[in-house]
Amino acid sequence: MTQEFRSNSLELSARLLAEHLLRYLRVEPGTKHPSRIFVFDDPKNLGPTYEAEFFNGQPMVAVKDYEAAVKMLREKFVSNPTSRGASHGAIRA
């Protein structure tokens, strides 16, 4: 069984992508429209540690890498079929 880390933070998810900390799996609908949950493969259960570092202001990410990751996540967020009323349809990176 795969261990997964989930976050509704676009900024944290961008950091995870930009630094290649966790492998992006998919985006899922959140509990409140238009929120989304970004899901990452986390076999070593490091997601909570990365999250704590991020929200404590510790990470430094190259701006170009961070911006590229934000752009990709926003595209996944917008292109996710569940945001248009479909009941299924995970997006893979």
Protein backbone atom coordinates (compact mmCIF):
# COMPACT_ATOMS: atom_id res chain seq x y z
CA MET A 1 0.00 0.00 0.00
CA THR A 2 1.29 3.43 -0.91
CA GLN A 3 1.81 6.08 1.79
CA GLU A 4 0.42 9.43 0.62
CA PHE A 5 0.74 13.01 1.81
CA ARG A 6 -2.10 15.44 1.10
CA SER A 7 -2.11 19.22 1.21
CA ASN A 8 -4.57 21.91 0.23
CA SER A 9 -1.75 24.48 0.18
CA LEU A 10 -0.70 25.44 -3.34
CA GLU A 11 2.43 27.09 -1.95
CA LEU A 12 3.55 24.03 0.06
CA SER A 13 2.77 21.74 -2.87
CA ALA A 14 4.85 23.96 -5.15
CA ARG A 15 7.79 23.70 -2.75
CA LEU A 16 7.49 19.90 -2.66
CA LEU A 17 7.57 19.85 -6.47
CA ALA A 18 10.26 22.50 -6.95
CA GLU A 19 12.68 20.73 -4.64
CA HIS A 20 11.67 17.23 -5.78
CA LEU A 21 10.92 16.31 -2.16
CA LEU A 22 7.88 14.15 -2.90
CA ARG A 23 6.49 12.74 -6.14
CA TYR A 24 3.24 14.38 -7.26
CA LEU A 25 0.42 11.87 -7.83
CA ARG A 26 -2.83 13.72 -8.46
CA VAL A 27 -5.26 16.46 -7.45
CA GLU A 28 -8.54 15.63 -5.72
CA PRO A 29 -11.58 17.77 -5.00
CA GLY A 30 -11.57 19.44 -1.58
CA THR A 31 -14.50 19.53 0.79
CA LYS A 32 -15.42 23.11 -0.18
CA HIS A 33 -15.62 24.35 -3.77
CA PRO A 34 -13.28 25.45 -5.33
CA SER A 35 -10.66 23.90 -3.03
CA ARG A 36 -8.45 21.03 -4.15
CA ILE A 37 -6.16 18.59 -2.37
CA PHE A 38 -2.75 17.92 -3.90
CA VAL A 39 -1.64 14.31 -3.31
CA PHE A 40 1.99 13.15 -3.21
CA ASP A 41 3.69 9.79 -2.88
CA ASP A 42 5.30 9.77 0.58
CA PRO A 43 6.79 6.31 1.28
CA LYS A 44 8.99 7.60 4.13
CA ASN A 45 6.24 9.73 5.74
CA LEU A 46 8.30 12.94 5.39
CA GLY A 47 5.39 15.14 4.31
CA PRO A 48 4.53 16.36 7.82
CA THR A 49 8.18 17.33 8.40
CA TYR A 50 8.35 19.27 5.13
CA GLU A 51 5.03 20.92 5.98
CA ALA A 52 6.28 22.04 9.42
CA GLU A 53 9.49 23.42 7.90
CA PHE A 54 7.52 25.30 5.26
CA PHE A 55 5.08 26.93 7.66
CA ASN A 56 7.92 27.82 10.05
CA GLY A 57 9.56 29.77 7.22
CA GLN A 58 12.65 27.56 6.90
CA PRO A 59 12.69 26.47 3.24
CA MET A 60 14.52 28.37 0.52
CA VAL A 61 13.49 27.53 -3.03
CA ALA A 62 14.88 28.89 -6.29
CA VAL A 63 12.30 31.36 -7.62
CA LYS A 64 12.25 29.97 -11.17
CA ASP A 65 11.71 26.41 -9.89
CA TYR A 66 9.00 27.54 -7.48
CA GLU A 67 7.17 29.55 -10.15
CA ALA A 68 7.32 26.63 -12.58
CA ALA A 69 5.86 24.33 -9.92
CA VAL A 70 3.06 26.79 -9.09
CA LYS A 71 2.21 27.07 -12.78
CA MET A 72 2.04 23.29 -13.19
CA LEU A 73 -0.15 22.85 -10.10
CA ARG A 74 -2.51 25.61 -11.21
CA GLU A 75 -2.84 23.92 -14.59
CA LYS A 76 -3.68 20.62 -12.85
CA PHE A 77 -6.16 22.45 -10.61
CA VAL A 78 -7.93 24.06 -13.56
CA SER A 79 -7.79 21.06 -15.90
CA ASN A 80 -9.01 18.54 -13.30
CA PRO A 81 -12.28 17.08 -14.63
CA THR A 82 -13.73 17.04 -11.10
CA SER A 83 -13.71 20.84 -11.10
CA ARG A 84 -16.24 20.71 -13.94
CA GLY A 85 -18.70 18.42 -12.25
CA ALA A 86 -17.32 15.00 -13.22
CA SER A 87 -17.28 12.47 -10.41
CA HIS A 88 -13.90 10.91 -11.22
CA GLY A 89 -10.72 11.63 -13.12
CA ALA A 90 -7.36 11.90 -11.40
CA ILE A 91 -4.66 13.93 -13.12
CA ARG A 92 -1.14 12.50 -13.20
CA ALA A 93 2.06 14.48 -13.52
